[in-house]
Amino acid sequence: MAKKIKKSDMDEELLNTIYALQLEWKQIESLVEKSIEPTADSQYRENLARAKYLFLLREARHRQINAAAHL
């Protein structure tokens, strides 16, 4: 039988992933801004990281997850 996963554990994992993606996106964004001539690949990576981050933010909002409650 499959092990049940607690909602609180999934919510915490979602928040950790959101924080990690935000950091990744901001780092890539900073590199692209500092580049003299950003490549298409770097812009693609920035847009991808941003899209993942925003998608997970919408998921957290849909689940009504409050980051302050999980600290």
PDB file of N, CA and C in Angstrom:
ATOM      1  N   MET A   1       0.821  -1.176   0.000  1.00  0.00           N
ATOM      2  CA  MET A   1       0.000   0.000   0.000  1.00  0.00           C
ATOM      3  C   MET A   1       0.876   1.255   0.000  1.00  0.00           C
ATOM      4  N   ALA A   2       0.440   2.258  -0.704  1.00  0.00           N
ATOM      5  CA  ALA A   2       1.210   3.497  -0.819  1.00  0.00           C
ATOM      6  C   ALA A   2       1.157   4.290   0.486  1.00  0.00           C
ATOM      7  N   LYS A   3       2.254   4.930   0.790  1.00  0.00           N
ATOM      8  CA  LYS A   3       2.339   5.752   1.986  1.00  0.00           C
ATOM      9  C   LYS A   3       1.615   7.075   1.730  1.00  0.00           C
ATOM     10  N   LYS A   4       0.772   7.490   2.668  1.00  0.00           N
ATOM     11  CA  LYS A   4       0.068   8.764   2.516  1.00  0.00           C
ATOM     12  C   LYS A   4       1.020   9.920   2.799  1.00  0.00           C
ATOM     13  N   ILE A   5       0.898  10.932   2.010  1.00  0.00           N
ATOM     14  CA  ILE A   5       1.721  12.127   2.173  1.00  0.00           C
ATOM     15  C   ILE A   5       0.865  13.189   2.831  1.00  0.00           C
ATOM     16  N   LYS A   6       1.393  13.788   3.887  1.00  0.00           N
ATOM     17  CA  LYS A   6       0.652  14.823   4.602  1.00  0.00           C
ATOM     18  C   LYS A   6       0.614  16.107   3.788  1.00  0.00           C
ATOM     19  N   LYS A   7      -0.496  16.810   3.868  1.00  0.00           N
ATOM     20  CA  LYS A   7      -0.650  18.086   3.158  1.00  0.00           C
ATOM     21  C   LYS A   7       0.388  19.089   3.645  1.00  0.00           C
ATOM     22  N   SER A   8       0.642  19.101   4.940  1.00  0.00           N
ATOM     23  CA  SER A   8       1.609  20.059   5.477  1.00  0.00           C
ATOM     24  C   SER A   8       3.015  19.799   4.930  1.00  0.00           C
ATOM     25  N   ASP A   9       3.362  18.523   4.731  1.00  0.00           N
ATOM     26  CA  ASP A   9       4.671  18.197   4.155  1.00  0.00           C
ATOM     27  C   ASP A   9       4.760  18.677   2.709  1.00  0.00           C
ATOM     28  N   MET A  10       3.695  18.490   1.960  1.00  0.00           N
ATOM     29  CA  MET A  10       3.674  18.945   0.565  1.00  0.00           C
ATOM     30  C   MET A  10       3.722  20.467   0.487  1.00  0.00           C
ATOM     31  N   ASP A  11       3.001  21.124   1.385  1.00  0.00           N
ATOM     32  CA  ASP A  11       3.012  22.591   1.407  1.00  0.00           C
ATOM     33  C   ASP A  11       4.408  23.119   1.718  1.00  0.00           C
ATOM     34  N   GLU A  12       5.074  22.483   2.666  1.00  0.00           N
ATOM     35  CA  GLU A  12       6.431  22.905   3.027  1.00  0.00           C
ATOM     36  C   GLU A  12       7.393  22.689   1.861  1.00  0.00           C
ATOM     37  N   GLU A  13       7.256  21.565   1.178  1.00  0.00           N
ATOM     38  CA  GLU A  13       8.106  21.286   0.016  1.00  0.00           C
ATOM     39  C   GLU A  13       7.847  22.300  -1.100  1.00  0.00           C
ATOM     40  N   LEU A  14       6.576  22.652  -1.298  1.00  0.00           N
ATOM     41  CA  LEU A  14       6.230  23.653  -2.300  1.00  0.00           C
ATOM     42  C   LEU A  14       6.874  24.993  -1.977  1.00  0.00           C
ATOM     43  N   LEU A  15       6.798  25.411  -0.712  1.00  0.00           N
ATOM     44  CA  LEU A  15       7.405  26.682  -0.313  1.00  0.00           C
ATOM     45  C   LEU A  15       8.923  26.657  -0.493  1.00  0.00           C
ATOM     46  N   ASN A  16       9.555  25.554  -0.137  1.00  0.00           N
ATOM     47  CA  ASN A  16      11.012  25.442  -0.320  1.00  0.00           C
ATOM     48  C   ASN A  16      11.387  25.538  -1.794  1.00  0.00           C
ATOM     49  N   THR A  17      10.594  24.915  -2.641  1.00  0.00           N
ATOM     50  CA  THR A  17      10.846  24.974  -4.077  1.00  0.00           C
ATOM     51  C   THR A  17      10.646  26.391  -4.606  1.00  0.00           C
ATOM     52  N   ILE A  18       9.635  27.072  -4.112  1.00  0.00           N
ATOM     53  CA  ILE A  18       9.383  28.462  -4.522  1.00  0.00           C
ATOM     54  C   ILE A  18      10.575  29.338  -4.155  1.00  0.00           C
ATOM     55  N   TYR A  19      11.073  29.199  -2.925  1.00  0.00           N
ATOM     56  CA  TYR A  19      12.214  30.002  -2.497  1.00  0.00           C
ATOM     57  C   TYR A  19      13.447  29.710  -3.358  1.00  0.00           C
ATOM     58  N   ALA A  20      13.670  28.433  -3.656  1.00  0.00           N
ATOM     59  CA  ALA A  20      14.825  28.053  -4.477  1.00  0.00           C
ATOM     60  C   ALA A  20      14.701  28.613  -5.895  1.00  0.00           C
ATOM     61  N   LEU A  21      13.506  28.531  -6.474  1.00  0.00           N
ATOM     62  CA  LEU A  21      13.302  29.053  -7.827  1.00  0.00           C
ATOM     63  C   LEU A  21      13.425  30.573  -7.860  1.00  0.00           C
ATOM     64  N   GLN A  22      12.967  31.239  -6.811  1.00  0.00           N
ATOM     65  CA  GLN A  22      13.093  32.694  -6.758  1.00  0.00           C
ATOM     66  C   GLN A  22      14.575  33.084  -6.756  1.00  0.00           C
ATOM     67  N   LEU A  23      15.364  32.372  -5.967  1.00  0.00           N
ATOM     68  CA  LEU A  23      16.798  32.650  -5.916  1.00  0.00           C
ATOM     69  C   LEU A  23      17.447  32.406  -7.275  1.00  0.00           C
ATOM     70  N   GLU A  24      17.107  31.280  -7.898  1.00  0.00           N
ATOM     71  CA  GLU A  24      17.657  30.954  -9.213  1.00  0.00           C
ATOM     72  C   GLU A  24      17.285  32.018 -10.239  1.00  0.00           C
ATOM     73  N   TRP A  25      16.010  32.417 -10.260  1.00  0.00           N
ATOM     74  CA  TRP A  25      15.543  33.415 -11.214  1.00  0.00           C
ATOM     75  C   TRP A  25      16.273  34.738 -11.008  1.00  0.00           C
ATOM     76  N   LYS A  26      16.397  35.179  -9.759  1.00  0.00           N
ATOM     77  CA  LYS A  26      17.047  36.460  -9.480  1.00  0.00           C
ATOM     78  C   LYS A  26      18.531  36.426  -9.854  1.00  0.00           C
ATOM     79  N   GLN A  27      19.189  35.275  -9.658  1.00  0.00           N
ATOM     80  CA  GLN A  27      20.592  35.163 -10.037  1.00  0.00           C
ATOM     81  C   GLN A  27      20.756  35.249 -11.550  1.00  0.00           C
ATOM     82  N   ILE A  28      19.915  34.542 -12.273  1.00  0.00           N
ATOM     83  CA  ILE A  28      19.984  34.579 -13.737  1.00  0.00           C
ATOM     84  C   ILE A  28      19.648  35.981 -14.238  1.00  0.00           C
ATOM     85  N   GLU A  29      18.637  36.596 -13.648  1.00  0.00           N
ATOM     86  CA  GLU A  29      18.231  37.952 -14.037  1.00  0.00           C
ATOM     87  C   GLU A  29      19.388  38.922 -13.826  1.00  0.00           C
ATOM     88  N   SER A  30      20.085  38.784 -12.717  1.00  0.00           N
ATOM     89  CA  SER A  30      21.221  39.656 -12.428  1.00  0.00           C
ATOM     90  C   SER A  30      22.336  39.475 -13.464  1.00  0.00           C
ATOM     91  N   LEU A  31      22.615  38.234 -13.819  1.00  0.00           N
ATOM     92  CA  LEU A  31      23.646  37.972 -14.827  1.00  0.00           C
ATOM     93  C   LEU A  31      23.272  38.553 -16.187  1.00  0.00           C
ATOM     94  N   VAL A  32      22.003  38.405 -16.561  1.00  0.00           N
ATOM     95  CA  VAL A  32      21.550  38.926 -17.853  1.00  0.00           C
ATOM     96  C   VAL A  32      21.637  40.453 -17.858  1.00  0.00           C
ATOM     97  N   GLU A  33      21.267  41.087 -16.744  1.00  0.00           N
ATOM     98  CA  GLU A  33      21.328  42.553 -16.671  1.00  0.00           C
ATOM     99  C   GLU A  33      22.765  43.060 -16.764  1.00  0.00           C
ATOM    100  N   LYS A  34      23.706  42.303 -16.206  1.00  0.00           N
ATOM    101  CA  LYS A  34      25.103  42.721 -16.206  1.00  0.00           C
ATOM    102  C   LYS A  34      25.814  42.401 -17.513  1.00  0.00           C
ATOM    103  N   SER A  35      25.217  41.564 -18.329  1.00  0.00           N
ATOM    104  CA  SER A  35      25.833  41.173 -19.595  1.00  0.00           C
ATOM    105  C   SER A  35      25.773  42.312 -20.592  1.00  0.00           C
ATOM    106  N   ILE A  36      26.837  42.457 -21.330  1.00  0.00           N
ATOM    107  CA  ILE A  36      26.871  43.472 -22.375  1.00  0.00           C
ATOM    108  C   ILE A  36      25.938  43.072 -23.505  1.00  0.00           C
ATOM    109  N   GLU A  37      26.035  41.815 -23.891  1.00  0.00           N
ATOM    110  CA  GLU A  37      25.192  41.296 -24.969  1.00  0.00           C
ATOM    111  C   GLU A  37      24.651  39.925 -24.534  1.00  0.00           C
ATOM    112  N   PRO A  38      23.495  39.918 -23.857  1.00  0.00           N
ATOM    113  CA  PRO A  38      22.952  38.637 -23.380  1.00  0.00           C
ATOM    114  C   PRO A  38      22.596  37.710 -24.541  1.00  0.00           C
ATOM    115  N   THR A  39      22.892  36.441 -24.367  1.00  0.00           N
ATOM    116  CA  THR A  39      22.589  35.463 -25.405  1.00  0.00           C
ATOM    117  C   THR A  39      21.122  35.064 -25.341  1.00  0.00           C
ATOM    118  N   ALA A  40      20.656  34.465 -26.403  1.00  0.00           N
ATOM    119  CA  ALA A  40      19.268  33.993 -26.446  1.00  0.00           C
ATOM    120  C   ALA A  40      19.063  32.894 -25.410  1.00  0.00           C
ATOM    121  N   ASP A  41      20.096  32.081 -25.195  1.00  0.00           N
ATOM    122  CA  ASP A  41      20.001  31.007 -24.210  1.00  0.00           C
ATOM    123  C   ASP A  41      19.827  31.556 -22.797  1.00  0.00           C
ATOM    124  N   SER A  42      20.575  32.596 -22.457  1.00  0.00           N
ATOM    125  CA  SER A  42      20.466  33.162 -21.111  1.00  0.00           C
ATOM    126  C   SER A  42      19.102  33.814 -20.904  1.00  0.00           C
ATOM    127  N   GLN A  43      18.581  34.455 -21.939  1.00  0.00           N
ATOM    128  CA  GLN A  43      17.247  35.047 -21.835  1.00  0.00           C
ATOM    129  C   GLN A  43      16.176  33.961 -21.729  1.00  0.00           C
ATOM    130  N   TYR A  44      16.381  32.851 -22.456  1.00  0.00           N
ATOM    131  CA  TYR A  44      15.456  31.720 -22.370  1.00  0.00           C
ATOM    132  C   TYR A  44      15.465  31.145 -20.966  1.00  0.00           C
ATOM    133  N   ARG A  45      16.652  30.970 -20.389  1.00  0.00           N
ATOM    134  CA  ARG A  45      16.764  30.423 -19.030  1.00  0.00           C
ATOM    135  C   ARG A  45      16.104  31.343 -18.007  1.00  0.00           C
ATOM    136  N   GLU A  46      16.276  32.657 -18.192  1.00  0.00           N
ATOM    137  CA  GLU A  46      15.643  33.615 -17.279  1.00  0.00           C
ATOM    138  C   GLU A  46      14.123  33.519 -17.371  1.00  0.00           C
ATOM    139  N   ASN A  47      13.609  33.479 -18.600  1.00  0.00           N
ATOM    140  CA  ASN A  47      12.159  33.392 -18.783  1.00  0.00           C
ATOM    141  C   ASN A  47      11.599  32.076 -18.249  1.00  0.00           C
ATOM    142  N   LEU A  48      12.336  30.996 -18.424  1.00  0.00           N
ATOM    143  CA  LEU A  48      11.904  29.696 -17.919  1.00  0.00           C
ATOM    144  C   LEU A  48      11.865  29.687 -16.397  1.00  0.00           C
ATOM    145  N   ALA A  49      12.907  30.204 -15.760  1.00  0.00           N
ATOM    146  CA  ALA A  49      12.946  30.251 -14.294  1.00  0.00           C
ATOM    147  C   ALA A  49      11.816  31.132 -13.760  1.00  0.00           C
ATOM    148  N   ARG A  50      11.562  32.240 -14.423  1.00  0.00           N
ATOM    149  CA  ARG A  50      10.478  33.142 -14.010  1.00  0.00           C
ATOM    150  C   ARG A  50       9.125  32.457 -14.157  1.00  0.00           C
ATOM    151  N   ALA A  51       8.920  31.744 -15.255  1.00  0.00           N
ATOM    152  CA  ALA A  51       7.650  31.058 -15.489  1.00  0.00           C
ATOM    153  C   ALA A  51       7.413  29.969 -14.445  1.00  0.00           C
ATOM    154  N   LYS A  52       8.452  29.211 -14.116  1.00  0.00           N
ATOM    155  CA  LYS A  52       8.323  28.173 -13.085  1.00  0.00           C
ATOM    156  C   LYS A  52       7.961  28.799 -11.744  1.00  0.00           C
ATOM    157  N   TYR A  53       8.651  29.887 -11.399  1.00  0.00           N
ATOM    158  CA  TYR A  53       8.411  30.577 -10.134  1.00  0.00           C
ATOM    159  C   TYR A  53       6.973  31.082 -10.057  1.00  0.00           C
ATOM    160  N   LEU A  54       6.516  31.743 -11.105  1.00  0.00           N
ATOM    161  CA  LEU A  54       5.156  32.287 -11.094  1.00  0.00           C
ATOM    162  C   LEU A  54       4.098  31.187 -11.078  1.00  0.00           C
ATOM    163  N   PHE A  55       4.375  30.070 -11.759  1.00  0.00           N
ATOM    164  CA  PHE A  55       3.446  28.943 -11.739  1.00  0.00           C
ATOM    165  C   PHE A  55       3.292  28.404 -10.324  1.00  0.00           C
ATOM    166  N   LEU A  56       4.409  28.233  -9.628  1.00  0.00           N
ATOM    167  CA  LEU A  56       4.338  27.708  -8.262  1.00  0.00           C
ATOM    168  C   LEU A  56       3.713  28.710  -7.301  1.00  0.00           C
ATOM    169  N   LEU A  57       3.900  29.994  -7.545  1.00  0.00           N
ATOM    170  CA  LEU A  57       3.215  30.997  -6.721  1.00  0.00           C
ATOM    171  C   LEU A  57       1.702  30.890  -6.884  1.00  0.00           C
ATOM    172  N   ARG A  58       1.255  30.694  -8.127  1.00  0.00           N
ATOM    173  CA  ARG A  58      -0.191  30.525  -8.358  1.00  0.00           C
ATOM    174  C   ARG A  58      -0.703  29.261  -7.674  1.00  0.00           C
ATOM    175  N   GLU A  59       0.087  28.202  -7.704  1.00  0.00           N
ATOM    176  CA  GLU A  59      -0.300  26.953  -7.041  1.00  0.00           C
ATOM    177  C   GLU A  59      -0.403  27.162  -5.530  1.00  0.00           C
ATOM    178  N   ALA A  60       0.549  27.887  -4.961  1.00  0.00           N
ATOM    179  CA  ALA A  60       0.501  28.168  -3.519  1.00  0.00           C
ATOM    180  C   ALA A  60      -0.729  29.006  -3.176  1.00  0.00           C
ATOM    181  N   ARG A  61      -1.039  29.963  -4.016  1.00  0.00           N
ATOM    182  CA  ARG A  61      -2.236  30.790  -3.790  1.00  0.00           C
ATOM    183  C   ARG A  61      -3.494  29.936  -3.887  1.00  0.00           C
ATOM    184  N   HIS A  62      -3.531  29.029  -4.852  1.00  0.00           N
ATOM    185  CA  HIS A  62      -4.671  28.133  -5.031  1.00  0.00           C
ATOM    186  C   HIS A  62      -4.848  27.231  -3.802  1.00  0.00           C
ATOM    187  N   ARG A  63      -3.727  26.778  -3.238  1.00  0.00           N
ATOM    188  CA  ARG A  63      -3.770  25.929  -2.037  1.00  0.00           C
ATOM    189  C   ARG A  63      -3.952  26.732  -0.766  1.00  0.00           C
ATOM    190  N   GLN A  64      -3.945  28.051  -0.891  1.00  0.00           N
ATOM    191  CA  GLN A  64      -4.073  28.980   0.242  1.00  0.00           C
ATOM    192  C   GLN A  64      -2.977  28.759   1.279  1.00  0.00           C
ATOM    193  N   ILE A  65      -1.752  28.703   0.761  1.00  0.00           N
ATOM    194  CA  ILE A  65      -0.588  28.507   1.620  1.00  0.00           C
ATOM    195  C   ILE A  65      -0.041  29.874   2.012  1.00  0.00           C
ATOM    196  N   ASN A  66       0.180  30.046   3.298  1.00  0.00           N
ATOM    197  CA  ASN A  66       0.743  31.282   3.817  1.00  0.00           C
ATOM    198  C   ASN A  66       2.154  30.993   4.297  1.00  0.00           C
ATOM    199  N   ALA A  67       3.145  31.652   3.723  1.00  0.00           N
ATOM    200  CA  ALA A  67       4.540  31.388   4.061  1.00  0.00           C
ATOM    201  C   ALA A  67       4.820  31.742   5.522  1.00  0.00           C
ATOM    202  N   ALA A  68       4.180  32.756   6.050  1.00  0.00           N
ATOM    203  CA  ALA A  68       4.408  33.166   7.440  1.00  0.00           C
ATOM    204  C   ALA A  68       3.947  32.071   8.416  1.00  0.00           C
ATOM    205  N   ALA A  69       2.941  31.318   8.051  1.00  0.00           N
ATOM    206  CA  ALA A  69       2.432  30.273   8.918  1.00  0.00           C
ATOM    207  C   ALA A  69       3.369  29.079   8.982  1.00  0.00           C
ATOM    208  N   HIS A  70       4.246  28.945   7.994  1.00  0.00           N
ATOM    209  CA  HIS A  70       5.136  27.785   7.920  1.00  0.00           C
ATOM    210  C   HIS A  70       6.527  28.082   8.456  1.00  0.00           C
ATOM    211  N   LEU A  71       6.766  29.269   8.930  1.00  0.00           N
ATOM    212  CA  LEU A  71       8.110  29.616   9.451  1.00  0.00           C
ATOM    213  C   LEU A  71       8.288  29.123  10.855  1.00  0.00           C
TER     214      LEU A  71
END
